Amino acid sequence: MSKTPPDNSHPDNSLADNSQYEAIRDLKAIRQTKPDPLSAKDLHDILEVARWTGSSKNNQNWAFITVTGGQKAKLSEAGDFTVPLQVAPIAIAIAMAPLGYEFDIGKAAQNIMLAAQAIGVASCPITLHREEQAAATLGLPDGWRCRYAVTLGYPTDDAAPMKFGGRKPAEEVIFSERFGGKAT
């Protein structure tokens, strides 16, 4: 997998030499996975990171549901672009309690992906466009929602991000004080 070159525009580029920083910066969705099941240890380690993700007021208004086989295939019908979900050996559906926050779910998904990357497991976020169908498939209690899942699997030898191409220039996405304000 190719690495994004470090951004040398920052006057103090010390972060570019930090492996944790590089892992976060270089995280990519990987859709090509081997059919081999994840080891129990790898799955446990990833779920522990998810469980320990910070949440608003530490409410932990979520549930992590592992899905495989036929249940995973059924869940894939709740989304529109779910080929990675269909082919990966396992996925973690992230269910949100009635008083949960989407921001917390996003943090958990990112931590799942970072934990997977750290131990050599490929991951890909999946949007479940039909939440009611996902909730029914997962047997969620009333009021619970599931809009996102993360696929997991060992990467194939030729695994690579689907679209690799850097980022928009900083001046197009980073502003100071208000939208369009030149960043300092």
Protein backbone atom coordinates (compact mmCIF):
# COMPACT_ATOMS: atom_id res chain seq x y z
CA MET A 1 0.00 0.00 0.00
CA SER A 2 1.45 3.38 -0.95
CA LYS A 3 1.93 6.00 1.67
CA THR A 4 0.87 9.60 1.42
CA PRO A 5 3.96 11.81 1.48
CA PRO A 6 4.27 13.94 4.60
CA ASP A 7 3.05 17.52 4.40
CA ASN A 8 6.22 19.53 4.74
CA SER A 9 4.41 22.87 4.67
CA HIS A 10 4.15 23.00 8.47
CA PRO A 11 7.09 24.87 10.00
CA ASP A 12 7.56 22.26 12.71
CA ASN A 13 7.18 18.95 10.90
CA SER A 14 8.00 16.80 13.95
CA LEU A 15 4.60 15.07 13.81
CA ALA A 16 5.43 13.57 10.41
CA ASP A 17 7.97 11.33 12.13
CA ASN A 18 5.49 10.05 14.71
CA SER A 19 4.14 6.58 13.87
CA GLN A 20 0.82 7.20 15.65
CA TYR A 21 0.29 10.41 13.70
CA GLU A 22 1.17 8.65 10.44
CA ALA A 23 -1.26 5.80 11.18
CA ILE A 24 -4.10 8.26 11.72
CA ARG A 25 -3.21 10.40 8.70
CA ASP A 26 -2.76 7.43 6.40
CA LEU A 27 -5.86 5.42 7.39
CA LYS A 28 -7.70 4.25 4.26
CA ALA A 29 -10.73 2.07 3.66
CA ILE A 30 -9.64 -1.29 2.24
CA ARG A 31 -12.31 -3.33 0.49
CA GLN A 32 -10.32 -6.38 -0.63
CA THR A 33 -10.19 -9.03 2.08
CA LYS A 34 -9.41 -12.71 2.23
CA PRO A 35 -12.33 -15.00 3.14
CA ASP A 36 -10.42 -16.25 6.21
CA PRO A 37 -12.22 -15.56 9.49
CA LEU A 38 -10.65 -13.09 11.90
CA SER A 39 -8.87 -14.66 14.83
CA ALA A 40 -10.73 -14.46 18.13
CA LYS A 41 -7.87 -12.39 19.56
CA ASP A 42 -7.89 -9.86 16.72
CA LEU A 43 -11.67 -9.44 16.95
CA HIS A 44 -11.50 -9.11 20.74
CA ASP A 45 -8.76 -6.48 20.52
CA ILE A 46 -10.71 -4.41 17.97
CA LEU A 47 -13.92 -4.63 20.01
CA GLU A 48 -12.07 -3.56 23.17
CA VAL A 49 -10.86 -0.41 21.41
CA ALA A 50 -14.44 0.26 20.26
CA ARG A 51 -15.78 -0.27 23.78
CA TRP A 52 -13.22 2.15 25.24
CA THR A 53 -13.96 4.93 22.75
CA GLY A 54 -14.88 8.17 24.48
CA SER A 55 -18.50 9.28 24.29
CA SER A 56 -20.54 12.31 25.25
CA LYS A 57 -20.85 12.41 29.05
CA ASN A 58 -19.43 8.86 28.99
CA ASN A 59 -22.95 7.56 28.32
CA GLN A 60 -21.74 4.88 25.89
CA ASN A 61 -25.09 4.94 24.09
CA TRP A 62 -24.16 2.25 21.63
CA ALA A 63 -23.91 -1.47 21.01
CA PHE A 64 -21.43 -3.31 18.80
CA ILE A 65 -22.95 -6.26 16.97
CA THR A 66 -20.71 -8.65 15.05
CA VAL A 67 -22.29 -10.12 11.94
CA THR A 68 -21.10 -12.97 9.73
CA GLY A 69 -22.47 -15.29 7.07
CA GLY A 70 -26.16 -15.08 6.27
CA GLN A 71 -26.84 -12.36 8.83
CA LYS A 72 -24.14 -10.19 7.22
CA ALA A 73 -25.66 -10.83 3.78
CA LYS A 74 -29.08 -9.84 5.07
CA LEU A 75 -27.68 -6.68 6.67
CA SER A 76 -26.03 -5.74 3.36
CA GLU A 77 -29.52 -5.39 1.86
CA ALA A 78 -30.06 -2.35 4.12
CA GLY A 79 -27.45 -0.33 2.20
CA ASP A 80 -26.81 0.73 -1.36
CA PHE A 81 -23.03 0.27 -1.72
CA THR A 82 -22.38 -2.82 0.36
CA VAL A 83 -20.14 -5.07 -1.74
CA PRO A 84 -17.38 -4.81 0.92
CA LEU A 85 -19.92 -5.96 3.51
CA GLN A 86 -20.92 -8.90 1.33
CA VAL A 87 -17.34 -10.12 0.79
CA ALA A 88 -15.63 -9.43 4.14
CA PRO A 89 -15.68 -12.32 6.60
CA ILE A 90 -17.11 -10.19 9.45
CA ALA A 91 -18.47 -6.74 10.19
CA ILE A 92 -19.28 -4.76 13.28
CA ALA A 93 -22.63 -2.99 13.13
CA ILE A 94 -22.64 0.05 15.40
CA ALA A 95 -26.09 0.56 16.91
CA MET A 96 -27.05 3.83 18.57
CA ALA A 97 -29.34 4.08 21.59
CA PRO A 98 -32.24 6.56 21.54
CA LEU A 99 -30.24 9.28 23.33
CA GLY A 100 -27.00 8.58 21.45
CA TYR A 101 -25.04 10.95 19.25
CA GLU A 102 -23.92 10.38 15.67
CA PHE A 103 -20.59 12.00 16.60
CA ASP A 104 -19.93 9.25 19.14
CA ILE A 105 -20.80 6.56 16.58
CA GLY A 106 -18.34 8.14 14.14
CA LYS A 107 -15.62 8.17 16.79
CA ALA A 108 -16.23 4.49 17.52
CA ALA A 109 -16.11 3.61 13.81
CA GLN A 110 -12.83 5.50 13.37
CA ASN A 111 -11.34 3.77 16.41
CA ILE A 112 -12.42 0.37 15.06
CA MET A 113 -10.65 1.17 11.78
CA LEU A 114 -7.51 2.46 13.52
CA ALA A 115 -7.34 -0.59 15.81
CA ALA A 116 -7.77 -2.88 12.81
CA GLN A 117 -5.02 -1.10 10.90
CA ALA A 118 -2.68 -1.34 13.90
CA ILE A 119 -2.92 -5.15 13.90
CA GLY A 120 -2.90 -5.69 10.13
CA VAL A 121 -6.64 -6.05 9.56
CA ALA A 122 -8.34 -4.28 6.65
CA SER A 123 -11.50 -2.29 7.33
CA CYS A 124 -14.12 -0.37 5.39
CA PRO A 125 -16.96 1.81 6.70
CA ILE A 126 -20.41 1.01 5.33
CA THR A 127 -23.52 3.19 5.38
CA LEU A 128 -26.81 1.41 5.93
CA HIS A 129 -29.21 3.70 4.07
CA ARG A 130 -32.35 1.90 5.26
CA GLU A 131 -32.05 2.17 9.05
CA GLU A 132 -35.39 0.49 9.78
CA GLN A 133 -34.37 -2.56 7.75
CA ALA A 134 -30.99 -2.67 9.51
CA ALA A 135 -32.68 -2.36 12.92
CA ALA A 136 -35.07 -5.20 12.10
CA THR A 137 -32.25 -7.41 10.81
CA LEU A 138 -30.23 -6.81 13.97
CA GLY A 139 -33.23 -7.17 16.32
CA LEU A 140 -32.68 -3.74 17.86
CA PRO A 141 -34.96 -2.55 20.67
CA ASP A 142 -37.47 0.24 19.90
CA GLY A 143 -35.79 3.59 19.37
CA TRP A 144 -32.38 2.14 18.56
CA ARG A 145 -30.84 2.90 15.15
CA CYS A 146 -28.08 1.41 13.06
CA ARG A 147 -26.79 3.45 10.15
CA TYR A 148 -23.16 2.31 10.07
CA ALA A 149 -21.07 -0.84 10.07
CA VAL A 150 -17.36 -1.48 9.61
CA THR A 151 -16.16 -4.51 7.66
CA LEU A 152 -13.09 -6.40 8.85
CA GLY A 153 -10.85 -8.97 7.21
CA TYR A 154 -7.26 -9.78 6.47
CA PRO A 155 -6.20 -7.83 3.38
CA THR A 156 -5.51 -9.60 0.12
CA ASP A 157 -1.98 -9.28 -1.27
CA ASP A 158 -3.14 -6.65 -3.77
CA ALA A 159 -5.38 -4.73 -1.34
CA ALA A 160 -5.34 -0.97 -1.84
CA PRO A 161 -7.66 1.97 -1.32
CA MET A 162 -10.29 2.25 -4.06
CA LYS A 163 -9.53 5.91 -4.77
CA PHE A 164 -6.09 7.07 -3.80
CA GLY A 165 -5.39 10.67 -4.54
CA GLY A 166 -4.38 12.88 -1.67
CA ARG A 167 -6.53 15.70 -0.36
CA LYS A 168 -7.88 19.06 -1.42
CA PRO A 169 -5.47 21.93 -0.78
CA ALA A 170 -5.59 23.20 2.81
CA GLU A 171 -6.81 26.64 1.71
CA GLU A 172 -9.97 25.01 0.30
CA VAL A 173 -11.00 23.31 3.55
CA ILE A 174 -9.33 25.09 6.48
CA PHE A 175 -10.55 28.55 7.48
CA SER A 176 -10.05 30.97 10.33
CA GLU A 177 -12.91 32.53 12.31
CA ARG A 178 -15.54 31.96 9.58
CA PHE A 179 -16.06 30.09 6.34
CA GLY A 180 -13.76 31.55 3.73
CA GLY A 181 -11.55 33.31 6.27
CA LYS A 182 -7.88 32.84 5.42
CA ALA A 183 -6.32 30.32 7.80
CA THR A 184 -3.24 31.39 9.67
